[in-house]
C-alpha atoms as a PDB file:
ATOM      1  CA  UNK A   1       0.000   0.000   0.000  1.00  0.00           C
ATOM      2  CA  UNK A   2       1.578   3.343  -1.013  1.00  0.00           C
ATOM      3  CA  UNK A   3       2.169   6.112   1.498  1.00  0.00           C
ATOM      4  CA  UNK A   4       0.091   7.778   2.889  1.00  0.00           C
ATOM      5  CA  UNK A   5      -2.286   5.129   4.118  1.00  0.00           C
ATOM      6  CA  UNK A   6      -4.811   7.850   4.904  1.00  0.00           C
ATOM      7  CA  UNK A   7      -5.805  10.955   2.991  1.00  0.00           C
ATOM      8  CA  UNK A   8      -4.218  13.998   4.615  1.00  0.00           C
ATOM      9  CA  UNK A   9      -6.142  17.258   4.619  1.00  0.00           C
ATOM     10  CA  UNK A  10      -5.633  20.891   5.544  1.00  0.00           C
ATOM     11  CA  UNK A  11      -5.723  21.600   9.284  1.00  0.00           C
ATOM     12  CA  UNK A  12      -5.452  25.277  10.285  1.00  0.00           C
ATOM     13  CA  UNK A  13      -4.220  24.244  13.748  1.00  0.00           C
ATOM     14  CA  UNK A  14      -1.244  22.351  12.314  1.00  0.00           C
ATOM     15  CA  UNK A  15       2.082  23.674  11.076  1.00  0.00           C
ATOM     16  CA  UNK A  16       2.275  23.753   8.185  1.00  0.00           C
ATOM     17  CA  UNK A  17      -1.488  23.771   7.705  1.00  0.00           C
ATOM     18  CA  UNK A  18      -1.363  21.917   4.360  1.00  0.00           C
ATOM     19  CA  UNK A  19       0.519  18.667   3.824  1.00  0.00           C
ATOM     20  CA  UNK A  20       3.087  18.518   1.012  1.00  0.00           C
ATOM     21  CA  UNK A  21       1.779  17.623  -2.438  1.00  0.00           C
ATOM     22  CA  UNK A  22       3.943  14.479  -2.546  1.00  0.00           C
ATOM     23  CA  UNK A  23       4.742  12.586   0.655  1.00  0.00           C
ATOM     24  CA  UNK A  24       7.134  10.245  -1.127  1.00  0.00           C
ATOM     25  CA  UNK A  25       9.562  12.812  -2.522  1.00  0.00           C
ATOM     26  CA  UNK A  26      12.047  14.151   0.064  1.00  0.00           C
ATOM     27  CA  UNK A  27      12.813  17.219  -2.094  1.00  0.00           C
ATOM     28  CA  UNK A  28       9.121  18.156  -2.279  1.00  0.00           C
ATOM     29  CA  UNK A  29       8.741  17.682   1.485  1.00  0.00           C
ATOM     30  CA  UNK A  30      11.859  19.763   2.242  1.00  0.00           C
ATOM     31  CA  UNK A  31      10.797  22.565  -0.125  1.00  0.00           C
ATOM     32  CA  UNK A  32       7.298  22.564   1.373  1.00  0.00           C
ATOM     33  CA  UNK A  33       8.640  22.782   4.933  1.00  0.00           C
ATOM     34  CA  UNK A  34      11.153  25.484   4.004  1.00  0.00           C
ATOM     35  CA  UNK A  35       8.417  27.555   2.348  1.00  0.00           C
ATOM     36  CA  UNK A  36       6.278  27.236   5.484  1.00  0.00           C
ATOM     37  CA  UNK A  37       9.144  28.407   7.716  1.00  0.00           C
ATOM     38  CA  UNK A  38       9.974  31.240   5.301  1.00  0.00           C
ATOM     39  CA  UNK A  39       6.375  32.473   5.631  1.00  0.00           C
ATOM     40  CA  UNK A  40       6.633  32.775   9.429  1.00  0.00           C
ATOM     41  CA  UNK A  41       6.815  36.452  10.334  1.00  0.00           C
ATOM     42  CA  UNK A  42       7.179  36.152  14.112  1.00  0.00           C
ATOM     43  CA  UNK A  43       7.822  33.377  16.573  1.00  0.00           C
ATOM     44  CA  UNK A  44       6.889  33.234  20.225  1.00  0.00           C
ATOM     45  CA  UNK A  45       8.476  31.401  23.093  1.00  0.00           C
ATOM     46  CA  UNK A  46       6.544  28.132  23.115  1.00  0.00           C
ATOM     47  CA  UNK A  47       7.506  27.614  26.762  1.00  0.00           C
ATOM     48  CA  UNK A  48       5.705  30.822  27.741  1.00  0.00           C
ATOM     49  CA  UNK A  49       2.360  29.329  28.750  1.00  0.00           C
ATOM     50  CA  UNK A  50      -0.130  30.933  31.162  1.00  0.00           C
ATOM     51  CA  UNK A  51       0.314  29.375  34.592  1.00  0.00           C
ATOM     52  CA  UNK A  52       3.487  27.493  33.706  1.00  0.00           C
ATOM     53  CA  UNK A  53       6.629  27.913  35.751  1.00  0.00           C
ATOM     54  CA  UNK A  54      10.145  26.637  35.215  1.00  0.00           C
ATOM     55  CA  UNK A  55       9.205  23.669  37.414  1.00  0.00           C
ATOM     56  CA  UNK A  56       6.231  22.800  35.157  1.00  0.00           C
ATOM     57  CA  UNK A  57       8.403  21.810  32.228  1.00  0.00           C
ATOM     58  CA  UNK A  58       9.187  18.140  31.723  1.00  0.00           C
ATOM     59  CA  UNK A  59      11.956  16.960  29.457  1.00  0.00           C
END
C-alpha cells in the first residue's frame, strides 16, 4: 500500500497547515517545509504558557 495510508487534509491548527503535495519525494517535502518556515513572520516562546513555571516543564 503506497504512502500515505490515509488521505491527509488541511488543518489550520497544524504547522504547516497543508501537507506537502507528494509525501514520497524528500525534495518536495523539504521545499514545502522550508516555504512554510519562510512564511513565518514572528515566533513566540513556546515555553511561555499561562500558569506554567520553570518547574512545570518536563523533558
